[in-house]
Amino acid sequence: MISILLLSSEGVKIPFDTIPQFSGFFLVIGTFIAVLILELIIYLLLYKKTRIDQAFVRTGAGGIKVTVDSGLLVLPLFHALKTVYLCQHTIMLRFINETKLYWSNHEQFEGSIFITIQIPPENSSMIINAARSFYKTETPDDILMVIEPALRASIREYFRMYRMETFDFEPNTIEVRLSRSLEMVSFAFGLKVRSVYIHKGEKISDSSQLHIENLLQNTKLQGIDPPKKDNLH
């Protein structure tokens, strides 16, 4: 074997094959850094992370994926992503004049019914159902626009079924029974009823006013725009 000799700066002969071959080493390091940067760019651009009040529903390649308090990789042309908001919403339905209700004994009811609903974060199937049912779930109006006819029909049917001599007779029982009725309707849309409050009449009593103020205060703390006070009178 013939060795190639080189002269060093001091005139010493050095075999060529003993010189370190750095070119291949730098190529490997450069490739590793380039791949790392590419992965970081993909993560920053394509990885979507939820906020505390959100869930993501991803469709497309890989099937339906739901994430809460986490994130998903969303690839253009392969995936579609929908945001579902999980915060509680309090909606109000008014039954006055031509929309007033009747008990089975023909006693009339005029007033407002407040319903607090939520897409439950612990149930991925209901999150998927809500994503299919609603175009948007960010505000109470977005949900009410879809579910209001079903809620009104359920409330009207409930009032026809139960005979109450007076509204003041065990009002808590009325609310509990109505909650169960509305729960079944809301479930079909991916919603869970958290509470129901019934207020009779147009003039708000002191106790009712305090309840509603507390309700609106809780709604404001959750970052939801409360309904205008004019709508409560």
C-alpha atoms as a PDB file:
ATOM      1  CA  MET A   1       0.000   0.000   0.000  1.00  0.00           C
ATOM      2  CA  ILE A   2       1.312   3.352  -0.993  1.00  0.00           C
ATOM      3  CA  SER A   3       1.003   6.118   1.597  1.00  0.00           C
ATOM      4  CA  ILE A   4       0.844   9.739   0.535  1.00  0.00           C
ATOM      5  CA  LEU A   5       3.134  11.938   2.588  1.00  0.00           C
ATOM      6  CA  LEU A   6       2.618  15.624   3.284  1.00  0.00           C
ATOM      7  CA  LEU A   7       5.082  18.106   4.716  1.00  0.00           C
ATOM      8  CA  SER A   8       4.036  19.941   7.832  1.00  0.00           C
ATOM      9  CA  SER A   9       5.009  23.528   8.542  1.00  0.00           C
ATOM     10  CA  GLU A  10       8.059  22.208  10.419  1.00  0.00           C
ATOM     11  CA  GLY A  11       9.138  20.021   7.532  1.00  0.00           C
ATOM     12  CA  VAL A  12       7.998  16.753   9.161  1.00  0.00           C
ATOM     13  CA  LYS A  13       6.444  14.210   6.842  1.00  0.00           C
ATOM     14  CA  ILE A  14       2.821  13.274   7.884  1.00  0.00           C
ATOM     15  CA  PRO A  15       0.838  10.408   6.288  1.00  0.00           C
ATOM     16  CA  PHE A  16      -2.281  11.736   4.518  1.00  0.00           C
ATOM     17  CA  ASP A  17      -4.606   9.049   5.917  1.00  0.00           C
ATOM     18  CA  THR A  18      -3.947  10.231   9.497  1.00  0.00           C
ATOM     19  CA  ILE A  19      -5.490  13.680   8.870  1.00  0.00           C
ATOM     20  CA  PRO A  20      -8.994  13.892  10.502  1.00  0.00           C
ATOM     21  CA  GLN A  21     -11.817  13.802   7.998  1.00  0.00           C
ATOM     22  CA  PHE A  22     -14.118  16.613   9.293  1.00  0.00           C
ATOM     23  CA  SER A  23     -16.296  17.032   6.210  1.00  0.00           C
ATOM     24  CA  GLY A  24     -18.503  14.000   6.955  1.00  0.00           C
ATOM     25  CA  PHE A  25     -18.865  14.996  10.608  1.00  0.00           C
ATOM     26  CA  PHE A  26     -20.022  18.502   9.742  1.00  0.00           C
ATOM     27  CA  LEU A  27     -22.478  17.066   7.198  1.00  0.00           C
ATOM     28  CA  VAL A  28     -24.133  14.928   9.853  1.00  0.00           C
ATOM     29  CA  ILE A  29     -24.340  17.808  12.333  1.00  0.00           C
ATOM     30  CA  GLY A  30     -25.734  20.153   9.690  1.00  0.00           C
ATOM     31  CA  THR A  31     -28.391  17.661   8.652  1.00  0.00           C
ATOM     32  CA  PHE A  32     -29.431  17.129  12.274  1.00  0.00           C
ATOM     33  CA  ILE A  33     -29.758  20.876  12.887  1.00  0.00           C
ATOM     34  CA  ALA A  34     -31.750  21.356   9.659  1.00  0.00           C
ATOM     35  CA  VAL A  35     -34.197  18.579  10.605  1.00  0.00           C
ATOM     36  CA  LEU A  36     -34.547  20.047  14.107  1.00  0.00           C
ATOM     37  CA  ILE A  37     -35.345  23.507  12.734  1.00  0.00           C
ATOM     38  CA  LEU A  38     -37.850  22.012  10.269  1.00  0.00           C
ATOM     39  CA  GLU A  39     -39.617  20.131  13.057  1.00  0.00           C
ATOM     40  CA  LEU A  40     -39.736  23.311  15.148  1.00  0.00           C
ATOM     41  CA  ILE A  41     -41.284  25.264  12.258  1.00  0.00           C
ATOM     42  CA  ILE A  42     -43.880  22.523  11.696  1.00  0.00           C
ATOM     43  CA  TYR A  43     -44.705  22.528  15.414  1.00  0.00           C
ATOM     44  CA  LEU A  44     -45.128  26.313  15.548  1.00  0.00           C
ATOM     45  CA  LEU A  45     -47.212  26.521  12.391  1.00  0.00           C
ATOM     46  CA  LEU A  46     -49.277  23.330  12.457  1.00  0.00           C
ATOM     47  CA  TYR A  47     -49.643  22.374  16.124  1.00  0.00           C
ATOM     48  CA  LYS A  48     -52.789  23.879  17.635  1.00  0.00           C
ATOM     49  CA  LYS A  49     -53.224  24.006  21.416  1.00  0.00           C
ATOM     50  CA  THR A  50     -56.525  24.582  23.214  1.00  0.00           C
ATOM     51  CA  ARG A  51     -57.271  27.206  25.837  1.00  0.00           C
ATOM     52  CA  ILE A  52     -58.805  26.268  29.170  1.00  0.00           C
ATOM     53  CA  ASP A  53     -62.359  26.898  27.883  1.00  0.00           C
ATOM     54  CA  GLN A  54     -61.949  25.140  24.520  1.00  0.00           C
ATOM     55  CA  ALA A  55     -61.971  21.737  22.929  1.00  0.00           C
ATOM     56  CA  PHE A  56     -60.727  20.875  19.439  1.00  0.00           C
ATOM     57  CA  VAL A  57     -62.428  18.423  17.099  1.00  0.00           C
ATOM     58  CA  ARG A  58     -60.170  17.358  14.217  1.00  0.00           C
ATOM     59  CA  THR A  59     -61.517  15.463  11.223  1.00  0.00           C
ATOM     60  CA  GLY A  60     -59.815  14.019   8.161  1.00  0.00           C
ATOM     61  CA  ALA A  61     -56.814  11.696   8.006  1.00  0.00           C
ATOM     62  CA  GLY A  62     -56.715   9.438  11.041  1.00  0.00           C
ATOM     63  CA  GLY A  63     -60.412   9.826  11.853  1.00  0.00           C
ATOM     64  CA  ILE A  64     -62.112  12.088  14.405  1.00  0.00           C
ATOM     65  CA  LYS A  65     -59.864  13.291  17.224  1.00  0.00           C
ATOM     66  CA  VAL A  66     -60.994  15.306  20.260  1.00  0.00           C
ATOM     67  CA  THR A  67     -58.664  17.100  22.626  1.00  0.00           C
ATOM     68  CA  VAL A  68     -59.306  19.104  25.802  1.00  0.00           C
ATOM     69  CA  ASP A  69     -56.478  20.910  27.635  1.00  0.00           C
ATOM     70  CA  SER A  70     -54.007  19.663  25.034  1.00  0.00           C
ATOM     71  CA  GLY A  71     -53.213  20.091  21.349  1.00  0.00           C
ATOM     72  CA  LEU A  72     -53.360  18.504  17.904  1.00  0.00           C
ATOM     73  CA  LEU A  73     -51.219  18.525  14.778  1.00  0.00           C
ATOM     74  CA  VAL A  74     -53.311  19.893  11.919  1.00  0.00           C
ATOM     75  CA  LEU A  75     -51.971  19.280   8.424  1.00  0.00           C
ATOM     76  CA  PRO A  76     -53.353  21.396   5.568  1.00  0.00           C
ATOM     77  CA  LEU A  77     -55.324  19.406   2.959  1.00  0.00           C
ATOM     78  CA  PHE A  78     -55.440  16.428   5.337  1.00  0.00           C
ATOM     79  CA  HIS A  79     -57.301  17.790   8.371  1.00  0.00           C
ATOM     80  CA  ALA A  80     -60.122  20.166   9.293  1.00  0.00           C
ATOM     81  CA  LEU A  81     -60.330  21.674  12.782  1.00  0.00           C
ATOM     82  CA  LYS A  82     -63.347  22.992  14.687  1.00  0.00           C
ATOM     83  CA  THR A  83     -63.233  24.833  18.013  1.00  0.00           C
ATOM     84  CA  VAL A  84     -65.908  24.028  20.584  1.00  0.00           C
ATOM     85  CA  TYR A  85     -66.268  26.329  23.597  1.00  0.00           C
ATOM     86  CA  LEU A  86     -66.883  24.608  26.946  1.00  0.00           C
ATOM     87  CA  CYS A  87     -67.844  27.564  29.161  1.00  0.00           C
ATOM     88  CA  GLN A  88     -71.286  27.689  30.737  1.00  0.00           C
ATOM     89  CA  HIS A  89     -73.932  29.869  29.105  1.00  0.00           C
ATOM     90  CA  THR A  90     -77.110  31.181  30.739  1.00  0.00           C
ATOM     91  CA  ILE A  91     -79.920  31.785  28.277  1.00  0.00           C
ATOM     92  CA  MET A  92     -83.328  33.313  28.929  1.00  0.00           C
ATOM     93  CA  LEU A  93     -86.668  32.348  27.396  1.00  0.00           C
ATOM     94  CA  ARG A  94     -89.609  34.706  27.939  1.00  0.00           C
ATOM     95  CA  PHE A  95     -93.207  33.484  27.894  1.00  0.00           C
ATOM     96  CA  ILE A  96     -95.530  36.486  27.871  1.00  0.00           C
ATOM     97  CA  ASN A  97     -98.627  37.627  25.997  1.00  0.00           C
ATOM     98  CA  GLU A  98     -99.175  35.330  23.012  1.00  0.00           C
ATOM     99  CA  THR A  99     -96.358  32.998  24.087  1.00  0.00           C
ATOM    100  CA  LYS A 100     -97.612  32.463  27.655  1.00  0.00           C
ATOM    101  CA  LEU A 101     -97.892  28.932  28.983  1.00  0.00           C
ATOM    102  CA  TYR A 102    -100.804  26.950  30.410  1.00  0.00           C
ATOM    103  CA  TRP A 103    -100.880  24.318  33.115  1.00  0.00           C
ATOM    104  CA  SER A 104    -103.098  21.298  32.496  1.00  0.00           C
ATOM    105  CA  ASN A 105    -105.789  22.954  34.665  1.00  0.00           C
ATOM    106  CA  HIS A 106    -105.713  25.929  32.257  1.00  0.00           C
ATOM    107  CA  GLU A 107    -103.963  28.191  34.788  1.00  0.00           C
ATOM    108  CA  GLN A 108    -101.774  30.658  32.915  1.00  0.00           C
ATOM    109  CA  PHE A 109     -98.062  31.256  33.382  1.00  0.00           C
ATOM    110  CA  GLU A 110     -96.240  34.384  32.245  1.00  0.00           C
ATOM    111  CA  GLY A 111     -92.607  34.949  33.060  1.00  0.00           C
ATOM    112  CA  SER A 112     -89.040  34.034  32.206  1.00  0.00           C
ATOM    113  CA  ILE A 113     -87.070  30.815  32.438  1.00  0.00           C
ATOM    114  CA  PHE A 114     -83.277  30.971  32.815  1.00  0.00           C
ATOM    115  CA  ILE A 115     -81.369  27.881  31.672  1.00  0.00           C
ATOM    116  CA  THR A 116     -77.661  27.361  32.292  1.00  0.00           C
ATOM    117  CA  ILE A 117     -76.170  24.930  29.782  1.00  0.00           C
ATOM    118  CA  GLN A 118     -72.703  23.652  28.953  1.00  0.00           C
ATOM    119  CA  ILE A 119     -70.957  21.328  26.550  1.00  0.00           C
ATOM    120  CA  PRO A 120     -69.435  18.936  29.128  1.00  0.00           C
ATOM    121  CA  PRO A 121     -65.628  18.781  28.792  1.00  0.00           C
ATOM    122  CA  GLU A 122     -65.539  15.286  30.311  1.00  0.00           C
ATOM    123  CA  ASN A 123     -67.604  13.723  27.519  1.00  0.00           C
ATOM    124  CA  SER A 124     -65.880  13.555  24.119  1.00  0.00           C
ATOM    125  CA  SER A 125     -68.969  12.078  22.413  1.00  0.00           C
ATOM    126  CA  MET A 126     -71.071  15.087  23.429  1.00  0.00           C
ATOM    127  CA  ILE A 127     -68.307  17.443  22.269  1.00  0.00           C
ATOM    128  CA  ILE A 128     -68.400  15.788  18.835  1.00  0.00           C
ATOM    129  CA  ASN A 129     -72.209  15.999  18.800  1.00  0.00           C
ATOM    130  CA  ALA A 130     -72.097  19.710  19.683  1.00  0.00           C
ATOM    131  CA  ALA A 131     -69.535  20.301  16.934  1.00  0.00           C
ATOM    132  CA  ARG A 132     -71.987  18.760  14.475  1.00  0.00           C
ATOM    133  CA  SER A 133     -75.044  20.590  15.865  1.00  0.00           C
ATOM    134  CA  PHE A 134     -73.716  24.159  16.103  1.00  0.00           C
ATOM    135  CA  TYR A 135     -71.864  26.356  13.688  1.00  0.00           C
ATOM    136  CA  LYS A 136     -70.437  28.316  16.627  1.00  0.00           C
ATOM    137  CA  THR A 137     -70.581  27.797  20.402  1.00  0.00           C
ATOM    138  CA  GLU A 138     -68.785  30.909  21.616  1.00  0.00           C
ATOM    139  CA  THR A 139     -71.777  32.945  22.835  1.00  0.00           C
ATOM    140  CA  PRO A 140     -75.244  32.112  24.229  1.00  0.00           C
ATOM    141  CA  ASP A 141     -76.862  33.544  21.092  1.00  0.00           C
ATOM    142  CA  ASP A 142     -74.945  31.080  18.893  1.00  0.00           C
ATOM    143  CA  ILE A 143     -76.426  28.167  20.842  1.00  0.00           C
ATOM    144  CA  LEU A 144     -79.874  29.653  21.444  1.00  0.00           C
ATOM    145  CA  MET A 145     -80.423  30.264  17.736  1.00  0.00           C
ATOM    146  CA  VAL A 146     -80.310  26.494  17.157  1.00  0.00           C
ATOM    147  CA  ILE A 147     -81.793  25.054  20.322  1.00  0.00           C
ATOM    148  CA  GLU A 148     -84.502  27.606  21.220  1.00  0.00           C
ATOM    149  CA  PRO A 149     -87.382  25.971  19.274  1.00  0.00           C
ATOM    150  CA  ALA A 150     -86.674  22.588  20.898  1.00  0.00           C
ATOM    151  CA  LEU A 151     -86.414  24.110  24.386  1.00  0.00           C
ATOM    152  CA  ARG A 152     -89.643  26.076  24.001  1.00  0.00           C
ATOM    153  CA  ALA A 153     -91.493  23.006  22.745  1.00  0.00           C
ATOM    154  CA  SER A 154     -90.238  20.940  25.682  1.00  0.00           C
ATOM    155  CA  ILE A 155     -91.206  23.615  28.220  1.00  0.00           C
ATOM    156  CA  ARG A 156     -94.649  24.035  26.680  1.00  0.00           C
ATOM    157  CA  GLU A 157     -95.249  20.279  26.745  1.00  0.00           C
ATOM    158  CA  TYR A 158     -94.091  20.074  30.368  1.00  0.00           C
ATOM    159  CA  PHE A 159     -96.538  22.766  31.459  1.00  0.00           C
ATOM    160  CA  ARG A 160     -99.375  20.918  29.711  1.00  0.00           C
ATOM    161  CA  MET A 161     -98.528  17.637  31.425  1.00  0.00           C
ATOM    162  CA  TYR A 162     -98.287  18.789  35.046  1.00  0.00           C
ATOM    163  CA  ARG A 163    -101.177  20.290  36.986  1.00  0.00           C
ATOM    164  CA  MET A 164    -100.157  23.003  39.437  1.00  0.00           C
ATOM    165  CA  GLU A 165    -102.743  24.957  41.430  1.00  0.00           C
ATOM    166  CA  THR A 166    -100.337  27.822  41.941  1.00  0.00           C
ATOM    167  CA  PHE A 167     -96.808  28.688  40.923  1.00  0.00           C
ATOM    168  CA  ASP A 168     -95.776  29.261  44.540  1.00  0.00           C
ATOM    169  CA  PHE A 169     -96.433  25.639  45.456  1.00  0.00           C
ATOM    170  CA  GLU A 170     -93.036  23.950  45.799  1.00  0.00           C
ATOM    171  CA  PRO A 171     -91.271  26.019  43.099  1.00  0.00           C
ATOM    172  CA  ASN A 172     -88.059  24.033  43.587  1.00  0.00           C
ATOM    173  CA  THR A 173     -89.904  20.868  42.597  1.00  0.00           C
ATOM    174  CA  ILE A 174     -91.073  22.574  39.422  1.00  0.00           C
ATOM    175  CA  GLU A 175     -87.523  23.566  38.546  1.00  0.00           C
ATOM    176  CA  VAL A 176     -86.157  20.069  39.175  1.00  0.00           C
ATOM    177  CA  ARG A 177     -88.806  18.426  37.013  1.00  0.00           C
ATOM    178  CA  LEU A 178     -88.324  20.967  34.262  1.00  0.00           C
ATOM    179  CA  SER A 179     -84.556  20.431  34.431  1.00  0.00           C
ATOM    180  CA  ARG A 180     -85.054  16.731  33.734  1.00  0.00           C
ATOM    181  CA  SER A 181     -87.307  17.490  30.780  1.00  0.00           C
ATOM    182  CA  LEU A 182     -84.854  19.977  29.271  1.00  0.00           C
ATOM    183  CA  GLU A 183     -81.929  17.659  29.971  1.00  0.00           C
ATOM    184  CA  MET A 184     -83.255  15.098  27.507  1.00  0.00           C
ATOM    185  CA  VAL A 185     -83.707  17.702  24.772  1.00  0.00           C
ATOM    186  CA  SER A 186     -80.317  19.329  25.342  1.00  0.00           C
ATOM    187  CA  PHE A 187     -78.526  15.977  25.347  1.00  0.00           C
ATOM    188  CA  ALA A 188     -79.462  15.479  21.694  1.00  0.00           C
ATOM    189  CA  PHE A 189     -77.460  18.638  20.860  1.00  0.00           C
ATOM    190  CA  GLY A 190     -74.439  17.677  22.982  1.00  0.00           C
ATOM    191  CA  LEU A 191     -75.423  19.986  25.857  1.00  0.00           C
ATOM    192  CA  LYS A 192     -75.846  19.393  29.580  1.00  0.00           C
ATOM    193  CA  VAL A 193     -78.300  21.432  31.652  1.00  0.00           C
ATOM    194  CA  ARG A 194     -76.570  22.724  34.775  1.00  0.00           C
ATOM    195  CA  SER A 195     -79.485  24.649  36.300  1.00  0.00           C
ATOM    196  CA  VAL A 196     -82.960  26.025  35.628  1.00  0.00           C
ATOM    197  CA  TYR A 197     -84.498  29.074  37.293  1.00  0.00           C
ATOM    198  CA  ILE A 198     -88.131  30.073  36.798  1.00  0.00           C
ATOM    199  CA  HIS A 199     -89.324  33.618  37.418  1.00  0.00           C
ATOM    200  CA  LYS A 200     -93.004  34.421  37.230  1.00  0.00           C
ATOM    201  CA  GLY A 201     -94.413  37.787  36.263  1.00  0.00           C
ATOM    202  CA  GLU A 202     -92.994  40.971  34.807  1.00  0.00           C
ATOM    203  CA  LYS A 203     -92.213  42.707  38.095  1.00  0.00           C
ATOM    204  CA  ILE A 204     -89.128  41.273  39.751  1.00  0.00           C
ATOM    205  CA  SER A 205     -89.376  40.863  43.515  1.00  0.00           C
ATOM    206  CA  ASP A 206     -86.471  41.734  45.809  1.00  0.00           C
ATOM    207  CA  SER A 207     -85.481  38.085  46.258  1.00  0.00           C
ATOM    208  CA  SER A 208     -85.729  37.393  42.539  1.00  0.00           C
ATOM    209  CA  GLN A 209     -83.743  40.533  41.759  1.00  0.00           C
ATOM    210  CA  LEU A 210     -80.977  39.385  44.107  1.00  0.00           C
ATOM    211  CA  HIS A 211     -80.942  35.938  42.497  1.00  0.00           C
ATOM    212  CA  ILE A 212     -80.706  37.377  39.001  1.00  0.00           C
ATOM    213  CA  GLU A 213     -77.979  39.842  40.008  1.00  0.00           C
ATOM    214  CA  ASN A 214     -75.955  36.961  41.441  1.00  0.00           C
ATOM    215  CA  LEU A 215     -76.592  34.969  38.270  1.00  0.00           C
ATOM    216  CA  LEU A 216     -75.412  37.801  36.039  1.00  0.00           C
ATOM    217  CA  GLN A 217     -72.399  38.437  38.267  1.00  0.00           C
ATOM    218  CA  ASN A 218     -71.339  34.793  37.948  1.00  0.00           C
ATOM    219  CA  THR A 219     -71.858  35.002  34.203  1.00  0.00           C
ATOM    220  CA  LYS A 220     -69.675  38.137  34.027  1.00  0.00           C
ATOM    221  CA  LEU A 221     -66.918  36.444  36.012  1.00  0.00           C
ATOM    222  CA  GLN A 222     -66.887  33.614  33.457  1.00  0.00           C
ATOM    223  CA  GLY A 223     -66.226  36.098  30.645  1.00  0.00           C
ATOM    224  CA  ILE A 224     -69.714  35.951  29.131  1.00  0.00           C
ATOM    225  CA  ASP A 225     -71.556  39.122  28.189  1.00  0.00           C
ATOM    226  CA  PRO A 226     -74.718  39.228  30.345  1.00  0.00           C
ATOM    227  CA  PRO A 227     -78.063  40.066  28.768  1.00  0.00           C
ATOM    228  CA  LYS A 228     -79.189  43.664  28.934  1.00  0.00           C
ATOM    229  CA  LYS A 229     -81.139  44.570  32.053  1.00  0.00           C
ATOM    230  CA  ASP A 230     -84.026  45.760  29.905  1.00  0.00           C
ATOM    231  CA  ASN A 231     -84.654  42.158  28.930  1.00  0.00           C
ATOM    232  CA  LEU A 232     -85.233  41.224  32.561  1.00  0.00           C
ATOM    233  CA  HIS A 233     -88.179  43.514  33.091  1.00  0.00           C
END
